[in-house]
Amino acid sequence: MKHPMMPTIAAKALNYTLLTWIALVFVFPIVFMIVSSLKPDLQLLQDASSLRAFLPVGDISFDNYRNAFQRVPIGHFIFNSVLVTAVTMVLSLAVCSMAAFAFVFLEFPGKNAMLAVVLATFIVPFESIAIPLLLVVNNLPWIGAGGVTVGWLNSYHVQIVPFIADALTIFLFVQYFRDLPRDLVEAARVDGASYFQIYRRIILPLAGPVFATAAILKFLAMYNQYLWPVMAAQSEDYRPIMVGLQYFFQLNIAWGEMMAYLTVITVPVLLFYLSLQRAFIASIASTGVKG
C-alpha cells in the first residue's frame, strides 16, 4: 500500500527540479559574463564552445576591469545613468499615477476617449518618432542656471522630460486603481477631503505593489536607453552607460573588457531590484482589509 504522502512529495520534487532548471537558464548568462570578464580574449573565445565558458579556469585575472576603466569613464557614465533614471522614474511615477487617478475616479467629458488615445500611443514604436522628437527638442527653449537657451541637446533634461509620461505606466496604474473599492473615495469626499488628499492619503498607501512594479519597469527601460542618448547626448559629459559599449567596438573587439564593463554596470540594476523587491513584499504585507 502506497503512503498517501508519496504523490505529494514526488510532485514537489518534480516542481523543484523544474524550477531549478529554469533558474539555471536565467543564471547561466550572468555566470558566463562574470567568468568571461576574468579571461583574456583568446582564452574567452576558445572556451566559448565548451562548459569551460562557465568555469573560472585558465589565465584568470582582473586585467580586463583595469583596462575597461582606463578605456571608458565608467564611474561618470554610471552617475549619468543613475541620475537620469532616478529622476525620470520618480517624476514618471508621480505624473502617471495622478493621471491614472483622474481617469479612474474623476468624471469629465471625453475621459474614455482620452484614455484610449493615451493607450494607443503604446503601440507606436519609439524609432518611428525619434527623428521628429529630436527636431522638436532641438528648437525648444530651456531655462537653466545660465539663463534661457534654445535647444535641449547634450543635457540631462533631454534624456528625462520626453520619458516622464508613458502609456504603459499609466495603464498599470489605471488597471490597479480600478480594482480599489470606490466606497473609500466616496466616503472621503463626503467627509470633505479634496481629490489630492484622497490620492495622497488613501490611494498611495494602497498602491505599493503597482508602484514597485512600475518602478522596476521604468528603471530597466531608462537604465538600458541607447538609441535616444546616442542621438541627443553626443557629449561625453552626458552619455549614459549603454553608449559606453561603443568604446569597445573598435577594429578588434575587446570582448573581455566589454564583459568586465557589463559586469560593473549590472551591479546598480541588481542592487535596485533587490532593494525594491523587499519594498514590494513589505507593501503587499501591509495592504489589505483588516477585520
Protein backbone atom coordinates (compact mmCIF):
# COMPACT_ATOMS: atom_id res chain seq x y z
CA MET A 1 0.00 0.00 0.00
CA LYS A 2 1.42 3.36 -1.02
CA HIS A 3 1.82 6.09 1.53
CA PRO A 4 -0.65 8.97 0.88
CA MET A 5 2.19 11.50 1.11
CA MET A 6 4.24 9.91 -1.68
CA PRO A 7 2.44 11.62 -4.62
CA THR A 8 2.76 14.98 -2.87
CA ILE A 9 6.49 14.52 -2.24
CA ALA A 10 7.04 13.37 -5.84
CA ALA A 11 5.11 16.36 -7.19
CA LYS A 12 7.12 18.76 -5.05
CA ALA A 13 10.38 17.16 -6.14
CA LEU A 14 9.35 17.50 -9.79
CA ASN A 15 8.36 21.14 -9.29
CA TYR A 16 11.63 21.99 -7.54
CA THR A 17 13.61 20.24 -10.25
CA LEU A 18 11.79 22.15 -12.98
CA LEU A 19 12.19 25.47 -11.15
CA THR A 20 15.89 24.76 -10.62
CA TRP A 21 16.46 24.20 -14.34
CA ILE A 22 14.52 27.36 -15.19
CA ALA A 23 16.62 29.32 -12.68
CA LEU A 24 19.81 27.94 -14.20
CA VAL A 25 18.71 29.07 -17.66
CA PHE A 26 18.49 32.64 -16.38
CA VAL A 27 21.65 32.42 -14.26
CA PHE A 28 23.93 30.97 -16.95
CA PRO A 29 24.28 34.25 -18.94
CA ILE A 30 25.24 36.12 -15.77
CA VAL A 31 27.77 33.43 -14.82
CA PHE A 32 29.18 33.48 -18.36
CA MET A 33 29.51 37.27 -18.24
CA ILE A 34 31.31 37.31 -14.89
CA VAL A 35 33.63 34.40 -15.72
CA SER A 36 34.43 35.81 -19.18
CA SER A 37 35.36 39.15 -17.64
CA LEU A 38 38.25 37.39 -15.87
CA LYS A 39 39.75 35.80 -19.00
CA PRO A 40 41.87 37.21 -21.84
CA ASP A 41 40.16 37.43 -25.22
CA LEU A 42 41.90 34.43 -26.79
CA GLN A 43 41.01 32.10 -23.93
CA LEU A 44 37.49 33.51 -23.75
CA LEU A 45 36.84 32.65 -27.41
CA GLN A 46 38.42 29.21 -27.07
CA ASP A 47 36.32 28.34 -24.00
CA ALA A 48 33.08 29.63 -25.52
CA SER A 49 32.37 26.29 -27.23
CA SER A 50 32.59 24.20 -24.04
CA LEU A 51 31.49 24.17 -20.42
CA ARG A 52 34.77 25.91 -19.56
CA ALA A 53 32.96 29.11 -20.55
CA PHE A 54 31.11 28.91 -17.22
CA LEU A 55 34.13 27.96 -15.11
CA PRO A 56 36.84 30.32 -13.77
CA VAL A 57 39.72 28.21 -15.09
CA GLY A 58 42.86 29.08 -17.02
CA ASP A 59 44.50 32.50 -17.05
CA ILE A 60 42.27 34.32 -14.54
CA SER A 61 42.94 37.96 -13.62
CA PHE A 62 41.31 41.36 -13.16
CA ASP A 63 43.20 42.94 -16.06
CA ASN A 64 40.01 43.39 -18.08
CA TYR A 65 38.49 45.52 -15.32
CA ARG A 66 41.57 47.72 -15.09
CA ASN A 67 41.71 48.14 -18.87
CA ALA A 68 37.97 48.82 -19.08
CA PHE A 69 38.20 51.63 -16.53
CA GLN A 70 41.11 53.09 -18.49
CA ARG A 71 39.23 52.91 -21.78
CA VAL A 72 35.86 54.23 -20.58
CA PRO A 73 34.92 56.74 -17.82
CA ILE A 74 32.69 54.10 -16.22
CA GLY A 75 32.10 55.99 -12.99
CA HIS A 76 30.87 59.09 -14.82
CA PHE A 77 28.66 57.06 -17.15
CA ILE A 78 27.09 55.19 -14.23
CA PHE A 79 26.45 58.51 -12.47
CA ASN A 80 24.73 59.87 -15.58
CA SER A 81 22.56 56.78 -15.97
CA VAL A 82 21.60 56.61 -12.29
CA LEU A 83 20.78 60.34 -12.21
CA VAL A 84 18.67 60.27 -15.37
CA THR A 85 16.98 57.01 -14.40
CA ALA A 86 16.18 58.05 -10.82
CA VAL A 87 14.79 61.47 -11.73
CA THR A 88 12.75 60.11 -14.62
CA MET A 89 11.40 57.24 -12.53
CA VAL A 90 10.28 59.49 -9.64
CA LEU A 91 8.64 62.03 -11.93
CA SER A 92 7.04 59.31 -14.03
CA LEU A 93 5.52 57.52 -11.03
CA ALA A 94 4.09 60.80 -9.74
CA VAL A 95 2.71 62.05 -13.06
CA CYS A 96 1.38 58.71 -14.33
CA SER A 97 -0.25 57.76 -11.03
CA MET A 98 -2.03 61.11 -10.82
CA ALA A 99 -3.15 60.79 -14.45
CA ALA A 100 -4.47 57.30 -13.74
CA PHE A 101 -6.26 58.59 -10.62
CA ALA A 102 -8.00 61.19 -12.77
CA PHE A 103 -9.00 58.63 -15.39
CA VAL A 104 -10.45 56.27 -12.78
CA PHE A 105 -12.00 58.43 -10.06
CA LEU A 106 -12.81 61.74 -11.76
CA GLU A 107 -15.65 62.40 -14.16
CA PHE A 108 -15.08 64.78 -17.06
CA PRO A 109 -16.16 64.92 -20.72
CA GLY A 110 -14.16 62.76 -23.13
CA LYS A 111 -12.42 60.78 -20.38
CA ASN A 112 -12.72 57.42 -22.11
CA ALA A 113 -11.63 58.85 -25.46
CA MET A 114 -8.59 60.50 -23.89
CA LEU A 115 -7.61 57.27 -22.17
CA ALA A 116 -7.99 55.39 -25.44
CA VAL A 117 -5.69 57.86 -27.19
CA VAL A 118 -3.09 57.55 -24.42
CA LEU A 119 -3.14 53.76 -24.56
CA ALA A 120 -3.00 53.82 -28.37
CA THR A 121 0.41 55.52 -28.18
CA PHE A 122 1.75 52.34 -26.57
CA ILE A 123 1.74 50.56 -29.94
CA VAL A 124 3.77 53.31 -31.63
CA PRO A 125 7.45 52.25 -31.72
CA PHE A 126 9.88 54.85 -30.44
CA GLU A 127 12.03 54.50 -33.55
CA SER A 128 9.22 56.00 -35.64
CA ILE A 129 9.11 59.21 -33.60
CA ALA A 130 12.80 59.53 -32.68
CA ILE A 131 13.73 61.86 -35.56
CA PRO A 132 10.68 64.17 -35.20
CA LEU A 133 11.24 64.27 -31.44
CA LEU A 134 14.90 65.18 -32.00
CA LEU A 135 13.89 68.07 -34.25
CA VAL A 136 11.38 69.30 -31.67
CA VAL A 137 13.71 69.26 -28.65
CA ASN A 138 16.47 70.89 -30.70
CA ASN A 139 14.29 74.01 -31.02
CA LEU A 140 12.72 74.16 -27.57
CA PRO A 141 13.81 76.80 -25.03
CA TRP A 142 15.12 75.84 -21.61
CA ILE A 143 15.56 77.98 -18.51
CA GLY A 144 18.63 76.93 -16.59
CA ALA A 145 21.40 78.30 -14.40
CA GLY A 146 22.90 80.09 -17.39
CA GLY A 147 19.62 81.73 -18.39
CA VAL A 148 17.37 80.92 -21.34
CA THR A 149 18.87 78.70 -24.01
CA VAL A 150 17.41 77.22 -27.18
CA GLY A 151 17.90 73.53 -27.85
CA TRP A 152 17.99 70.65 -25.40
CA LEU A 153 20.77 68.58 -26.96
CA ASN A 154 23.70 67.47 -24.78
CA SER A 155 21.87 67.82 -21.48
CA TYR A 156 20.26 65.74 -18.78
CA HIS A 157 16.75 67.06 -19.30
CA VAL A 158 16.68 65.93 -22.93
CA GLN A 159 17.01 62.38 -21.61
CA ILE A 160 14.40 62.89 -18.85
CA VAL A 161 11.48 65.05 -19.98
CA PRO A 162 10.37 63.03 -23.06
CA PHE A 163 10.02 59.87 -20.95
CA ILE A 164 8.22 61.15 -17.86
CA ALA A 165 4.77 60.09 -19.07
CA ASP A 166 4.22 56.84 -20.95
CA ALA A 167 1.20 54.73 -21.79
CA LEU A 168 2.39 51.52 -20.15
CA THR A 169 2.88 53.09 -16.71
CA ILE A 170 -0.47 54.87 -16.91
CA PHE A 171 -2.13 51.61 -17.95
CA LEU A 172 -0.65 49.75 -14.96
CA PHE A 173 -1.95 52.36 -12.54
CA VAL A 174 -5.38 52.53 -14.20
CA GLN A 175 -5.84 48.77 -14.00
CA TYR A 176 -4.78 48.71 -10.35
CA PHE A 177 -6.89 51.70 -9.31
CA ARG A 178 -9.97 50.20 -10.93
CA ASP A 179 -9.76 47.26 -8.52
CA LEU A 180 -9.72 49.50 -5.46
CA PRO A 181 -13.06 49.98 -3.64
CA ARG A 182 -14.69 53.22 -4.77
CA ASP A 183 -16.50 53.41 -1.43
CA LEU A 184 -13.27 54.67 0.13
CA VAL A 185 -13.14 57.62 -2.27
CA GLU A 186 -16.84 58.40 -1.92
CA ALA A 187 -16.64 58.28 1.87
CA ALA A 188 -13.64 60.61 1.84
CA ARG A 189 -15.48 63.03 -0.44
CA VAL A 190 -18.44 63.05 1.95
CA ASP A 191 -16.03 63.88 4.78
CA GLY A 192 -14.82 66.89 2.79
CA ALA A 193 -11.48 65.59 1.53
CA SER A 194 -10.14 67.01 -1.71
CA TYR A 195 -9.16 64.75 -4.57
CA PHE A 196 -5.48 65.37 -3.92
CA GLN A 197 -5.94 64.44 -0.26
CA ILE A 198 -7.71 61.25 -1.34
CA TYR A 199 -4.88 60.47 -3.74
CA ARG A 200 -2.17 61.12 -1.16
CA ARG A 201 -3.74 59.65 1.98
CA ILE A 202 -5.92 56.82 0.67
CA ILE A 203 -4.78 55.70 -2.79
CA LEU A 204 -1.00 55.91 -2.34
CA PRO A 205 -0.86 53.72 0.82
CA LEU A 206 -2.85 51.04 -1.05
CA ALA A 207 -0.84 51.25 -4.27
CA GLY A 208 2.50 49.91 -3.05
CA PRO A 209 2.58 46.83 -5.32
CA VAL A 210 1.81 48.74 -8.53
CA PHE A 211 4.34 51.44 -7.63
CA ALA A 212 7.00 48.77 -7.16
CA THR A 213 6.10 47.09 -10.45
CA ALA A 214 6.04 50.35 -12.39
CA ALA A 215 9.32 51.46 -10.80
CA ILE A 216 11.09 48.25 -11.85
CA LEU A 217 9.84 48.50 -15.44
CA LYS A 218 10.70 52.21 -15.66
CA PHE A 219 14.14 51.66 -14.16
CA LEU A 220 15.01 48.94 -16.65
CA ALA A 221 13.68 50.95 -19.60
CA MET A 222 15.64 54.09 -18.69
CA TYR A 223 18.81 52.36 -17.49
CA ASN A 224 19.04 50.47 -20.79
CA GLN A 225 18.47 53.52 -23.00
CA TYR A 226 20.76 53.53 -26.04
CA LEU A 227 19.18 54.93 -29.20
CA TRP A 228 17.95 58.24 -27.78
CA PRO A 229 21.16 59.11 -25.87
CA VAL A 230 23.22 58.36 -28.98
CA MET A 231 21.11 60.89 -30.88
CA ALA A 232 20.54 63.56 -28.23
CA ALA A 233 23.60 63.35 -25.95
CA GLN A 234 26.69 63.32 -28.15
CA SER A 235 28.84 64.96 -25.49
CA GLU A 236 30.70 62.51 -23.25
CA ASP A 237 29.71 64.56 -20.21
CA TYR A 238 26.07 63.44 -20.55
CA ARG A 239 26.39 59.97 -22.00
CA PRO A 240 24.84 57.03 -20.10
CA ILE A 241 26.38 53.62 -19.64
CA MET A 242 24.89 51.85 -22.65
CA VAL A 243 26.52 54.32 -25.02
CA GLY A 244 29.83 53.35 -23.42
CA LEU A 245 29.64 49.99 -25.17
CA GLN A 246 30.69 51.78 -28.36
CA TYR A 247 34.16 52.24 -26.90
CA PHE A 248 34.84 48.51 -27.08
CA PHE A 249 33.83 48.03 -30.72
CA GLN A 250 36.99 49.19 -32.43
CA LEU A 251 38.94 47.37 -35.17
CA ASN A 252 39.48 44.48 -32.74
CA ILE A 253 36.61 43.99 -30.31
CA ALA A 254 37.79 43.83 -26.69
CA TRP A 255 35.49 41.02 -25.57
CA GLY A 256 36.98 40.56 -22.11
CA GLU A 257 36.92 44.27 -21.34
CA MET A 258 33.35 44.51 -22.61
CA MET A 259 32.31 41.66 -20.30
CA ALA A 260 34.01 43.45 -17.41
CA TYR A 261 32.15 46.63 -18.33
CA LEU A 262 28.81 44.80 -18.47
CA THR A 263 29.51 43.19 -15.10
CA VAL A 264 30.20 46.56 -13.47
CA ILE A 265 27.14 48.30 -14.91
CA THR A 266 24.91 45.40 -13.91
CA VAL A 267 25.60 45.96 -10.22
CA PRO A 268 23.26 49.01 -9.85
CA VAL A 269 20.47 47.03 -11.51
CA LEU A 270 20.82 44.12 -9.10
CA LEU A 271 21.02 46.42 -6.08
CA PHE A 272 17.94 48.34 -7.18
CA TYR A 273 15.96 45.20 -7.88
CA LEU A 274 16.85 43.58 -4.55
CA SER A 275 16.00 46.70 -2.57
CA LEU A 276 12.72 47.21 -4.38
CA GLN A 277 11.87 43.54 -4.06
CA ARG A 278 11.92 43.90 -0.29
CA ALA A 279 9.75 47.00 -0.53
CA PHE A 280 7.38 45.16 -2.83
CA ILE A 281 6.96 42.28 -0.37
CA ALA A 282 6.51 44.70 2.53
CA SER A 283 3.89 46.68 0.62
CA ILE A 284 1.88 43.54 -0.06
CA ALA A 285 2.06 42.51 3.59
CA SER A 286 0.94 45.93 4.77
CA THR A 287 -2.09 46.22 2.46
CA GLY A 288 -5.45 44.60 2.75
CA VAL A 289 -8.62 44.95 4.74
CA LYS A 290 -8.25 44.48 8.47
CA GLY A 291 -11.12 42.98 10.40
